[in-house]
C-alpha atoms as a PDB file:
ATOM      1  CA  MET A   1     111.654 117.436  55.888  1.00  0.00           C
ATOM      2  CA  LYS A   2     113.870 114.379  56.008  1.00  0.00           C
ATOM      3  CA  LYS A   3     114.127 112.011  58.956  1.00  0.00           C
ATOM      4  CA  GLU A   4     117.392 110.493  60.123  1.00  0.00           C
ATOM      5  CA  ILE A   5     117.665 107.305  62.172  1.00  0.00           C
ATOM      6  CA  ILE A   6     120.404 107.555  64.802  1.00  0.00           C
ATOM      7  CA  GLU A   7     122.358 104.400  65.685  1.00  0.00           C
ATOM      8  CA  VAL A   8     122.845 104.178  69.463  1.00  0.00           C
ATOM      9  CA  PRO A   9     125.894 102.162  70.549  1.00  0.00           C
ATOM     10  CA  VAL A  10     124.889  98.835  72.148  1.00  0.00           C
ATOM     11  CA  LEU A  11     121.211  99.749  72.623  1.00  0.00           C
ATOM     12  CA  SER A  12     120.118  99.848  68.962  1.00  0.00           C
ATOM     13  CA  ALA A  13     121.556  96.360  68.453  1.00  0.00           C
ATOM     14  CA  ALA A  14     119.832  95.128  71.631  1.00  0.00           C
ATOM     15  CA  VAL A  15     116.453  96.384  70.386  1.00  0.00           C
ATOM     16  CA  ARG A  16     116.998  94.789  66.973  1.00  0.00           C
ATOM     17  CA  ALA A  17     117.924  91.489  68.665  1.00  0.00           C
ATOM     18  CA  LEU A  18     114.568  91.553  70.461  1.00  0.00           C
ATOM     19  CA  GLY A  19     112.829  91.963  67.118  1.00  0.00           C
ATOM     20  CA  VAL A  20     111.010  95.123  68.184  1.00  0.00           C
ATOM     21  CA  PRO A  21     110.115  97.200  65.078  1.00  0.00           C
ATOM     22  CA  LEU A  22     111.305 100.646  66.150  1.00  0.00           C
ATOM     23  CA  SER A  23     114.226 103.025  66.015  1.00  0.00           C
ATOM     24  CA  LEU A  24     115.431 104.215  69.391  1.00  0.00           C
ATOM     25  CA  VAL A  25     116.316 107.678  68.132  1.00  0.00           C
ATOM     26  CA  THR A  26     115.042 109.653  65.151  1.00  0.00           C
ATOM     27  CA  ARG A  27     115.996 113.197  64.180  1.00  0.00           C
ATOM     28  CA  ALA A  28     113.728 115.428  62.076  1.00  0.00           C
ATOM     29  CA  GLY A  29     112.973 119.118  61.828  1.00  0.00           C
ATOM     30  CA  GLY A  30     115.700 120.101  64.278  1.00  0.00           C
ATOM     31  CA  LEU A  31     114.288 117.805  66.968  1.00  0.00           C
ATOM     32  CA  VAL A  32     115.479 114.493  68.386  1.00  0.00           C
ATOM     33  CA  PHE A  33     112.838 111.919  69.320  1.00  0.00           C
ATOM     34  CA  VAL A  34     113.814 109.135  71.722  1.00  0.00           C
ATOM     35  CA  SER A  35     111.504 106.119  71.915  1.00  0.00           C
ATOM     36  CA  GLY A  36     110.239 104.850  75.240  1.00  0.00           C
ATOM     37  CA  THR A  37     113.386 103.631  76.952  1.00  0.00           C
ATOM     38  CA  PRO A  38     113.141 100.931  79.607  1.00  0.00           C
ATOM     39  CA  PRO A  39     115.887 100.383  82.199  1.00  0.00           C
ATOM     40  CA  LEU A  40     118.602  99.184  79.809  1.00  0.00           C
ATOM     41  CA  ASP A  41     122.235  98.779  80.796  1.00  0.00           C
ATOM     42  CA  ILE A  42     124.126 100.982  78.320  1.00  0.00           C
ATOM     43  CA  SER A  43     127.155  98.677  78.301  1.00  0.00           C
ATOM     44  CA  THR A  44     125.324  95.345  77.790  1.00  0.00           C
ATOM     45  CA  GLY A  45     121.887  96.255  76.411  1.00  0.00           C
ATOM     46  CA  ARG A  46     120.276  93.996  79.015  1.00  0.00           C
ATOM     47  CA  LEU A  47     117.398  95.012  81.276  1.00  0.00           C
ATOM     48  CA  VAL A  48     118.451  96.319  84.681  1.00  0.00           C
ATOM     49  CA  LYS A  49     116.629  94.627  87.545  1.00  0.00           C
ATOM     50  CA  GLY A  50     115.878  96.330  90.838  1.00  0.00           C
ATOM     51  CA  ASP A  51     113.401  98.553  92.624  1.00  0.00           C
ATOM     52  CA  ILE A  52     111.769 101.501  90.891  1.00  0.00           C
ATOM     53  CA  GLU A  53     114.573 103.908  91.816  1.00  0.00           C
ATOM     54  CA  VAL A  54     117.217 101.592  90.325  1.00  0.00           C
ATOM     55  CA  GLN A  55     115.078 101.153  87.193  1.00  0.00           C
ATOM     56  CA  THR A  56     114.427 104.897  86.900  1.00  0.00           C
ATOM     57  CA  GLU A  57     118.145 105.667  87.125  1.00  0.00           C
ATOM     58  CA  ALA A  58     118.907 103.051  84.453  1.00  0.00           C
ATOM     59  CA  SER A  59     116.161 104.401  82.155  1.00  0.00           C
ATOM     60  CA  LEU A  60     117.449 107.950  82.513  1.00  0.00           C
ATOM     61  CA  GLN A  61     121.052 106.853  81.897  1.00  0.00           C
ATOM     62  CA  ALA A  62     119.906 105.018  78.755  1.00  0.00           C
ATOM     63  CA  LEU A  63     117.920 108.089  77.665  1.00  0.00           C
ATOM     64  CA  LYS A  64     121.029 110.258  78.170  1.00  0.00           C
ATOM     65  CA  HIS A  65     123.072 107.743  76.143  1.00  0.00           C
ATOM     66  CA  CYS A  66     120.506 107.928  73.316  1.00  0.00           C
ATOM     67  CA  LEU A  67     120.566 111.728  73.324  1.00  0.00           C
ATOM     68  CA  GLU A  68     124.355 111.833  73.274  1.00  0.00           C
ATOM     69  CA  ALA A  69     124.398 109.443  70.287  1.00  0.00           C
ATOM     70  CA  ALA A  70     122.341 112.105  68.485  1.00  0.00           C
ATOM     71  CA  GLY A  71     124.703 114.890  69.528  1.00  0.00           C
ATOM     72  CA  THR A  72     122.414 116.443  72.113  1.00  0.00           C
ATOM     73  CA  SER A  73     121.878 116.165  75.871  1.00  0.00           C
ATOM     74  CA  LEU A  74     119.428 116.178  78.741  1.00  0.00           C
ATOM     75  CA  ASP A  75     119.850 119.974  78.878  1.00  0.00           C
ATOM     76  CA  ASN A  76     118.128 120.211  75.470  1.00  0.00           C
ATOM     77  CA  VAL A  77     115.110 118.063  76.354  1.00  0.00           C
ATOM     78  CA  VAL A  78     111.808 119.918  75.894  1.00  0.00           C
ATOM     79  CA  MET A  79     109.298 117.126  76.647  1.00  0.00           C
ATOM     80  CA  VAL A  80     109.375 113.915  78.676  1.00  0.00           C
ATOM     81  CA  ARG A  81     106.793 111.169  79.100  1.00  0.00           C
ATOM     82  CA  ILE A  82     107.203 108.669  81.896  1.00  0.00           C
ATOM     83  CA  TYR A  83     105.233 105.437  81.765  1.00  0.00           C
ATOM     84  CA  ALA A  84     105.096 103.403  84.988  1.00  0.00           C
ATOM     85  CA  VAL A  85     103.178 100.280  85.975  1.00  0.00           C
ATOM     86  CA  ASN A  86     102.176 101.749  89.331  1.00  0.00           C
ATOM     87  CA  SER A  87     101.089 105.322  90.058  1.00  0.00           C
ATOM     88  CA  GLY A  88     102.392 104.738  93.594  1.00  0.00           C
ATOM     89  CA  PHE A  89     105.927 104.948  92.149  1.00  0.00           C
ATOM     90  CA  TYR A  90     105.405 108.659  91.405  1.00  0.00           C
ATOM     91  CA  ASN A  91     107.364 110.079  94.371  1.00  0.00           C
ATOM     92  CA  ALA A  92     110.261 107.608  94.054  1.00  0.00           C
ATOM     93  CA  ILE A  93     110.548 108.343  90.325  1.00  0.00           C
ATOM     94  CA  ASN A  94     110.526 112.089  91.035  1.00  0.00           C
ATOM     95  CA  ARG A  95     113.410 111.743  93.513  1.00  0.00           C
ATOM     96  CA  VAL A  96     115.626 110.171  90.837  1.00  0.00           C
ATOM     97  CA  TYR A  97     114.303 112.349  87.997  1.00  0.00           C
ATOM     98  CA  ALA A  98     115.028 115.576  89.901  1.00  0.00           C
ATOM     99  CA  ARG A  99     118.742 114.691  90.061  1.00  0.00           C
ATOM    100  CA  HIS A 100     118.873 114.566  86.242  1.00  0.00           C
ATOM    101  CA  PHE A 101     116.853 117.764  85.716  1.00  0.00           C
ATOM    102  CA  PRO A 102     117.846 119.943  88.707  1.00  0.00           C
ATOM    103  CA  GLU A 103     117.045 123.301  87.064  1.00  0.00           C
ATOM    104  CA  ASN A 104     114.540 124.375  84.426  1.00  0.00           C
ATOM    105  CA  PRO A 105     113.101 120.864  83.940  1.00  0.00           C
ATOM    106  CA  PRO A 106     111.328 120.137  80.666  1.00  0.00           C
ATOM    107  CA  SER A 107     107.595 119.732  80.218  1.00  0.00           C
ATOM    108  CA  ARG A 108     106.534 116.290  81.411  1.00  0.00           C
ATOM    109  CA  THR A 109     103.654 113.826  81.521  1.00  0.00           C
ATOM    110  CA  PHE A 110     103.377 110.870  83.900  1.00  0.00           C
ATOM    111  CA  VAL A 111     101.312 107.982  82.561  1.00  0.00           C
ATOM    112  CA  PRO A 112     100.358 104.925  84.644  1.00  0.00           C
ATOM    113  CA  VAL A 113     100.114 101.806  82.441  1.00  0.00           C
ATOM    114  CA  ALA A 114      98.883  98.264  83.068  1.00  0.00           C
ATOM    115  CA  SER A 115     101.958  96.281  82.021  1.00  0.00           C
ATOM    116  CA  TRP A 116     104.529  95.497  79.322  1.00  0.00           C
ATOM    117  CA  PRO A 117     105.345  92.220  77.633  1.00  0.00           C
ATOM    118  CA  MET A 118     108.779  92.308  79.307  1.00  0.00           C
ATOM    119  CA  GLU A 119     109.872  92.537  82.923  1.00  0.00           C
ATOM    120  CA  PHE A 120     110.346  96.187  83.788  1.00  0.00           C
ATOM    121  CA  ASP A 121     108.295  98.824  85.585  1.00  0.00           C
ATOM    122  CA  ILE A 122     109.184 102.064  83.802  1.00  0.00           C
ATOM    123  CA  GLU A 123     109.821 103.452  80.345  1.00  0.00           C
ATOM    124  CA  ILE A 124     110.809 107.053  79.547  1.00  0.00           C
ATOM    125  CA  GLU A 125     110.602 108.864  76.209  1.00  0.00           C
ATOM    126  CA  CYS A 126     111.569 112.384  75.267  1.00  0.00           C
ATOM    127  CA  VAL A 127     111.860 115.050  72.612  1.00  0.00           C
ATOM    128  CA  ALA A 128     114.927 117.273  72.544  1.00  0.00           C
ATOM    129  CA  VAL A 129     116.280 120.101  70.459  1.00  0.00           C
ATOM    130  CA  GLY A 130     119.095 118.710  68.457  1.00  0.00           C
END
């Protein structure tokens, strides 16, 4: 099985500029793997500031952008992991998340974490058929 690194417009360059050693999107074995995606603006690559709902929306938009770069979509997502710095954000995150997965949502795990070395409160990763 061969892996393929997918270049994501704007966001891949933003991650490289930060010096973070990862690929945002990798395809292998008919699946698309999207790295943990913080609230990145898909047109500038900069972090989106705001409350947890604003950050969740930005993370999901960036995730969608990553999936589309790989030729797939949110409809093909089979697993999601949400990492948040506060378990109290759970309900607010769900309100935004439900708008992106209104029917037949994928499997999902919610993971509270202590912190990140950058200023954001959420990161979302996924696996999709692609």
